[in-house]
Amino acid sequence: MANSKGRAEPGPASAVDRRATRRPRDASATRAALVEAAAALLPDHQPSDISGRQIADVAGVNYGLVHHHFGGKDGLLDAGMSALRDDFVERFGDGSETPFLGLDSHPFLRATVRALLEHPRSPRGDDRFSIVSSMVGSIADRLEAAGGDHEAAVAEAQARAIAAIAVQVFYGVFGAVVLEATGVTADGRAEVESRLGELYDTITARS
């Protein structure tokens, strides 16, 4: 097809063309590429909106390898979520002392929110890992250290942890929309996030 200047425009690459450009990989490299692609897509898409073919295209491998290595899309998405979780744990431990992350929220938190929006009772990945329960413990310890009764400290820590997680994950996922809706300019974002960080520290009994 020619454009208005008479020059030919490239058409969309066919599936055969795309496969021809893909380099052969060994099994471990293929699995790693697929997991990395799934992990890259999960933070910004709900699981049902991600197709196995889309993951394969991002990974640069043939679609059939999704089923060969993971039994299908669901197994691959679980592996992608686990990879995000492992990276989060490497950076922040059990999550109990995670600072306020602002719009640069870790991909694991964003991916967890996306999964929970779709399946409130069954988030993808290892559900034994709980940021919330770790946070409750650390907050309760700080409240008790300040002279609080144990049972009262635990109850308050549970409420504070819920509030802190709400601030952290909601802002991380929807912050750009909320900033615009509240009239915060690009220049004013840093000041707002600084104050949100102070609020987060207060909620988690750090200050």
Protein backbone atom coordinates (compact mmCIF):
# COMPACT_ATOMS: atom_id res chain seq x y z
CA MET A 1 0.00 0.00 0.00
CA ALA A 2 1.30 3.47 -0.93
CA ASN A 3 0.92 6.55 1.21
CA SER A 4 -0.03 10.03 0.02
CA LYS A 5 3.56 10.67 -1.06
CA GLY A 6 3.68 7.56 -3.20
CA ARG A 7 6.00 5.63 -0.92
CA ALA A 8 5.11 2.10 0.06
CA GLU A 9 4.16 1.63 3.69
CA PRO A 10 5.04 -1.56 5.52
CA GLY A 11 2.05 -3.73 6.32
CA PRO A 12 1.55 -5.59 9.59
CA ALA A 13 3.98 -8.45 10.08
CA SER A 14 2.41 -11.87 9.67
CA ALA A 15 2.66 -14.57 12.32
CA VAL A 16 5.18 -16.34 10.10
CA ASP A 17 7.27 -13.16 9.85
CA ARG A 18 7.27 -12.78 13.63
CA ARG A 19 8.25 -16.39 14.19
CA ALA A 20 11.07 -16.04 11.68
CA THR A 21 12.63 -13.27 13.73
CA ARG A 22 12.55 -15.26 16.97
CA ARG A 23 15.79 -16.88 17.96
CA PRO A 24 15.82 -20.44 19.22
CA ARG A 25 16.16 -20.72 23.02
CA ASP A 26 16.77 -23.58 25.38
CA ALA A 27 13.94 -24.64 27.69
CA SER A 28 15.11 -22.68 30.74
CA ALA A 29 15.58 -19.47 28.74
CA THR A 30 12.13 -19.90 27.20
CA ARG A 31 10.50 -20.39 30.59
CA ALA A 32 12.31 -17.37 31.98
CA ALA A 33 11.26 -15.20 29.03
CA LEU A 34 7.62 -16.22 29.43
CA VAL A 35 7.61 -15.59 33.19
CA GLU A 36 9.27 -12.20 32.68
CA ALA A 37 6.64 -11.27 30.07
CA ALA A 38 3.77 -12.33 32.35
CA ALA A 39 5.28 -10.36 35.23
CA ALA A 40 5.55 -7.30 33.00
CA LEU A 41 1.87 -7.46 31.99
CA LEU A 42 0.24 -8.28 35.33
CA PRO A 43 0.73 -4.91 37.11
CA ASP A 44 -1.21 -3.00 34.44
CA HIS A 45 -3.83 -5.51 33.27
CA GLN A 46 -6.43 -7.67 34.96
CA PRO A 47 -5.62 -11.37 34.46
CA SER A 48 -8.65 -12.06 32.24
CA ASP A 49 -7.53 -9.31 29.87
CA ILE A 50 -4.16 -10.99 29.29
CA SER A 51 -4.06 -13.72 26.67
CA GLY A 52 -1.51 -16.49 26.39
CA ARG A 53 -0.74 -15.33 22.88
CA GLN A 54 -0.07 -11.80 24.13
CA ILE A 55 2.40 -13.12 26.70
CA ALA A 56 4.11 -15.22 24.05
CA ASP A 57 4.40 -12.20 21.74
CA VAL A 58 5.96 -10.09 24.51
CA ALA A 59 8.36 -12.94 25.31
CA GLY A 60 9.22 -13.42 21.64
CA VAL A 61 8.40 -17.13 21.60
CA ASN A 62 5.81 -19.34 19.94
CA TYR A 63 2.38 -19.48 21.57
CA GLY A 64 2.45 -23.27 21.87
CA LEU A 65 5.30 -23.03 24.37
CA VAL A 66 2.94 -21.43 26.91
CA HIS A 67 1.05 -24.72 27.13
CA HIS A 68 4.19 -26.81 26.82
CA HIS A 69 5.92 -25.23 29.81
CA PHE A 70 3.03 -24.06 32.01
CA GLY A 71 -0.05 -26.03 30.94
CA GLY A 72 -1.76 -22.83 29.80
CA LYS A 73 -2.18 -19.16 30.56
CA ASP A 74 -3.29 -19.57 34.18
CA GLY A 75 -0.19 -21.50 35.18
CA LEU A 76 2.01 -18.90 33.52
CA LEU A 77 0.22 -15.99 35.24
CA ASP A 78 0.71 -17.72 38.59
CA ALA A 79 4.42 -18.03 37.82
CA GLY A 80 4.55 -14.36 36.85
CA MET A 81 2.87 -13.32 40.11
CA SER A 82 5.28 -15.47 42.09
CA ALA A 83 8.21 -13.79 40.35
CA LEU A 84 6.83 -10.36 41.28
CA ARG A 85 6.34 -11.49 44.87
CA ASP A 86 9.89 -12.84 45.07
CA ASP A 87 11.27 -9.51 43.84
CA PHE A 88 9.16 -7.64 46.40
CA VAL A 89 10.42 -9.87 49.22
CA GLU A 90 14.02 -9.38 48.06
CA ARG A 91 13.59 -5.60 48.25
CA PHE A 92 11.30 -5.19 51.26
CA GLY A 93 11.42 -8.45 53.24
CA ASP A 94 8.05 -9.55 54.56
CA GLY A 95 6.53 -6.16 53.79
CA SER A 96 6.13 -5.10 57.41
CA GLU A 97 8.46 -2.12 57.01
CA THR A 98 7.61 -1.13 53.45
CA PRO A 99 7.79 2.67 53.07
CA PHE A 100 5.20 4.73 51.23
CA LEU A 101 6.02 4.16 47.57
CA GLY A 102 3.87 6.78 45.83
CA LEU A 103 3.19 6.36 42.13
CA ASP A 104 6.30 4.19 41.91
CA SER A 105 4.48 1.45 43.79
CA HIS A 106 6.11 -1.96 43.40
CA PRO A 107 4.65 -4.02 40.52
CA PHE A 108 3.68 -6.82 42.93
CA LEU A 109 1.31 -4.51 44.81
CA ARG A 110 -0.29 -3.28 41.60
CA ALA A 111 -0.62 -6.78 40.21
CA THR A 112 -2.20 -8.00 43.46
CA VAL A 113 -4.78 -5.22 43.30
CA ARG A 114 -5.60 -6.07 39.68
CA ALA A 115 -6.07 -9.73 40.58
CA LEU A 116 -8.19 -8.94 43.63
CA LEU A 117 -10.44 -6.62 41.62
CA GLU A 118 -11.21 -9.59 39.40
CA HIS A 119 -11.27 -12.38 41.99
CA PRO A 120 -11.69 -10.85 45.48
CA ARG A 121 -11.32 -14.19 47.27
CA SER A 122 -8.61 -15.82 45.20
CA PRO A 123 -5.63 -13.61 44.30
CA ARG A 124 -3.11 -15.19 41.99
CA GLY A 125 0.20 -16.31 43.39
CA ASP A 126 1.20 -17.70 46.77
CA ASP A 127 -1.55 -16.62 49.19
CA ARG A 128 0.62 -17.67 52.15
CA PHE A 129 2.60 -14.46 51.66
CA SER A 130 0.71 -11.72 53.46
CA ILE A 131 1.96 -8.16 53.60
CA VAL A 132 -0.97 -7.25 55.80
CA SER A 133 -0.34 -9.78 58.58
CA SER A 134 3.34 -8.81 58.70
CA MET A 135 2.39 -5.16 58.93
CA VAL A 136 -0.09 -5.84 61.75
CA GLY A 137 2.66 -7.48 63.77
CA SER A 138 5.16 -4.66 63.33
CA ILE A 139 2.59 -1.95 64.12
CA ALA A 140 1.37 -3.83 67.21
CA ASP A 141 4.95 -4.14 68.45
CA ARG A 142 5.47 -0.39 68.13
CA LEU A 143 2.18 0.40 69.88
CA GLU A 144 2.99 -1.98 72.74
CA ALA A 145 6.48 -0.53 73.04
CA ALA A 146 4.84 2.86 73.52
CA GLY A 147 2.95 1.47 76.51
CA GLY A 148 -0.19 0.04 74.96
CA ASP A 149 -2.13 -2.98 76.19
CA HIS A 150 -1.47 -6.08 74.05
CA GLU A 151 -5.05 -6.81 72.98
CA ALA A 152 -5.83 -3.16 72.36
CA ALA A 153 -2.57 -2.77 70.44
CA VAL A 154 -3.41 -5.71 68.16
CA ALA A 155 -6.91 -4.39 67.42
CA GLU A 156 -5.57 -0.92 66.65
CA ALA A 157 -2.74 -2.38 64.59
CA GLN A 158 -5.24 -4.30 62.46
CA ALA A 159 -7.17 -1.11 61.73
CA ARG A 160 -3.99 0.84 61.02
CA ALA A 161 -2.67 -1.87 58.70
CA ILE A 162 -5.89 -1.83 56.68
CA ALA A 163 -5.70 1.95 56.37
CA ALA A 164 -2.01 1.87 55.41
CA ILE A 165 -2.53 -0.80 52.74
CA ALA A 166 -5.47 1.19 51.37
CA VAL A 167 -3.33 4.32 51.05
CA GLN A 168 -0.39 2.40 49.57
CA VAL A 169 -2.13 0.32 46.94
CA PHE A 170 -4.94 2.69 45.97
CA TYR A 171 -2.54 5.54 45.33
CA GLY A 172 -0.11 3.26 43.53
CA VAL A 173 -2.80 2.11 41.09
CA PHE A 174 -5.13 5.10 40.83
CA GLY A 175 -2.89 7.96 41.99
CA ALA A 176 -2.55 9.64 38.60
CA VAL A 177 -6.33 9.84 38.26
CA VAL A 178 -6.78 11.10 41.83
CA LEU A 179 -4.06 13.74 41.41
CA GLU A 180 -5.79 15.10 38.33
CA ALA A 181 -9.23 14.98 39.96
CA THR A 182 -8.00 16.92 43.00
CA GLY A 183 -6.24 19.52 40.88
CA VAL A 184 -2.68 18.62 41.86
CA THR A 185 -0.22 19.85 39.24
CA ALA A 186 2.97 18.10 38.18
CA ASP A 187 4.94 20.64 40.19
CA GLY A 188 2.80 20.00 43.27
CA ARG A 189 2.99 16.21 43.18
CA ALA A 190 6.20 15.93 45.22
CA GLU A 191 4.76 18.00 48.06
CA VAL A 192 1.53 15.98 48.11
CA GLU A 193 3.42 12.67 48.11
CA SER A 194 5.67 13.93 50.91
CA ARG A 195 2.60 14.67 53.02
CA LEU A 196 1.07 11.31 52.11
CA GLY A 197 4.31 9.69 53.27
CA GLU A 198 4.07 11.50 56.59
CA LEU A 199 0.46 10.37 56.94
CA TYR A 200 1.49 6.80 56.10
CA ASP A 201 4.21 6.89 58.76
CA THR A 202 1.69 8.13 61.30
CA ILE A 203 -0.77 5.38 60.43
CA THR A 204 1.91 2.70 60.77
CA ALA A 205 3.06 4.17 64.12
CA ARG A 206 6.49 5.11 62.82
CA SER A 207 6.14 8.71 63.93
